[in-house]
Amino acid sequence: MGPIDAFWHLLNFFAPAVGVGLLASGLAKLLWRRELKSVAWMRLAGWAAAACAAVLIAGLVVFGHDGKMATYAAMVTVCALTLWWVGFGPLRR
């Protein structure tokens, strides 16, 4: 595998984490407009995407390969918890 192939492989590995983080934070800002008015969308999206990426890496380590439904279920759960933690919990600014 060449360096360009490795780059695309890593990009595609982290794409679900970034997608879920961006989509979930956008929907949270839309759904809880008043409550999340003081929290920046990029802050929510960054934390959510980072948490989702950590779950994907943990799923790769635990299961030995990516693409397991258990990993994706854990990613959605951790994304929701992270959005709550940053938007409504102790990390709210």
Protein backbone atom coordinates (compact mmCIF):
# COMPACT_ATOMS: atom_id res chain seq x y z
CA MET A 1 0.00 0.00 0.00
CA GLY A 2 1.40 3.35 -0.99
CA PRO A 3 1.20 6.57 0.99
CA ILE A 4 -1.76 7.88 -1.00
CA ASP A 5 -3.66 4.63 -0.46
CA ALA A 6 -2.88 4.77 3.26
CA PHE A 7 -4.14 8.36 3.41
CA TRP A 8 -7.45 7.43 1.74
CA HIS A 9 -7.78 4.38 3.96
CA LEU A 10 -7.40 6.48 7.12
CA LEU A 11 -9.73 9.14 5.75
CA ASN A 12 -12.41 6.54 5.04
CA PHE A 13 -11.88 4.93 8.45
CA PHE A 14 -12.59 8.20 10.28
CA ALA A 15 -15.37 9.40 7.93
CA PRO A 16 -18.23 7.82 9.97
CA ALA A 17 -16.95 9.47 13.15
CA VAL A 18 -16.78 12.90 11.55
CA GLY A 19 -20.13 12.45 9.82
CA VAL A 20 -21.95 11.34 12.96
CA GLY A 21 -20.31 14.11 15.00
CA LEU A 22 -21.26 16.84 12.53
CA LEU A 23 -24.78 15.57 11.92
CA ALA A 24 -25.61 14.93 15.58
CA SER A 25 -24.30 18.30 16.74
CA GLY A 26 -26.23 20.09 14.01
CA LEU A 27 -29.43 18.30 14.94
CA ALA A 28 -28.84 18.99 18.64
CA LYS A 29 -28.39 22.71 17.94
CA LEU A 30 -31.57 22.65 15.85
CA LEU A 31 -33.62 20.71 18.41
CA TRP A 32 -32.47 22.56 21.54
CA ARG A 33 -32.07 26.01 20.00
CA ARG A 34 -32.56 28.05 23.19
CA GLU A 35 -30.67 25.78 25.54
CA LEU A 36 -27.61 25.45 23.28
CA LYS A 37 -27.55 29.07 22.12
CA SER A 38 -24.40 29.82 24.15
CA VAL A 39 -22.51 26.73 22.94
CA ALA A 40 -20.73 27.03 19.59
CA TRP A 41 -21.61 24.45 16.95
CA MET A 42 -17.94 23.81 16.16
CA ARG A 43 -17.28 23.06 19.84
CA LEU A 44 -20.08 20.49 19.91
CA ALA A 45 -19.01 18.99 16.59
CA GLY A 46 -15.34 18.80 17.54
CA TRP A 47 -15.95 17.03 20.82
CA ALA A 48 -18.51 14.66 19.30
CA ALA A 49 -16.30 13.75 16.34
CA ALA A 50 -13.28 13.19 18.60
CA ALA A 51 -15.29 10.93 20.90
CA CYS A 52 -16.64 8.97 17.93
CA ALA A 53 -13.11 8.58 16.51
CA ALA A 54 -11.90 7.25 19.87
CA VAL A 55 -14.70 4.66 19.85
CA LEU A 56 -13.79 3.59 16.31
CA ILE A 57 -10.17 3.09 17.34
CA ALA A 58 -11.27 1.16 20.45
CA GLY A 59 -13.54 -1.03 18.30
CA LEU A 60 -10.66 -1.74 15.95
CA VAL A 61 -8.45 -2.77 18.87
CA VAL A 62 -11.12 -4.89 20.58
CA PHE A 63 -12.55 -6.67 17.53
CA GLY A 64 -9.47 -6.76 15.33
CA HIS A 65 -11.17 -5.13 12.32
CA ASP A 66 -13.52 -2.25 11.66
CA GLY A 67 -17.12 -2.24 10.55
CA LYS A 68 -18.71 -4.11 13.47
CA MET A 69 -22.25 -3.05 14.35
CA ALA A 70 -21.35 -3.08 18.04
CA THR A 71 -18.72 -0.43 17.37
CA TYR A 72 -21.22 1.76 15.50
CA ALA A 73 -23.80 1.35 18.28
CA ALA A 74 -21.19 2.37 20.84
CA MET A 75 -20.21 5.31 18.63
CA VAL A 76 -23.79 6.63 18.57
CA THR A 77 -24.15 6.19 22.33
CA VAL A 78 -20.86 7.93 23.09
CA CYS A 79 -21.74 10.72 20.67
CA ALA A 80 -25.02 11.36 22.49
CA LEU A 81 -23.30 11.32 25.88
CA THR A 82 -20.59 13.66 24.64
CA LEU A 83 -23.12 16.11 23.24
CA TRP A 84 -24.93 16.12 26.57
CA TRP A 85 -21.66 16.54 28.48
CA VAL A 86 -20.51 19.48 26.35
CA GLY A 87 -23.92 21.08 25.75
CA PHE A 88 -25.66 20.66 29.07
CA GLY A 89 -23.15 19.19 31.51
CA PRO A 90 -19.97 20.31 33.22
CA LEU A 91 -18.08 21.28 30.03
CA ARG A 92 -20.69 23.87 29.04
CA ARG A 93 -19.32 27.41 28.69
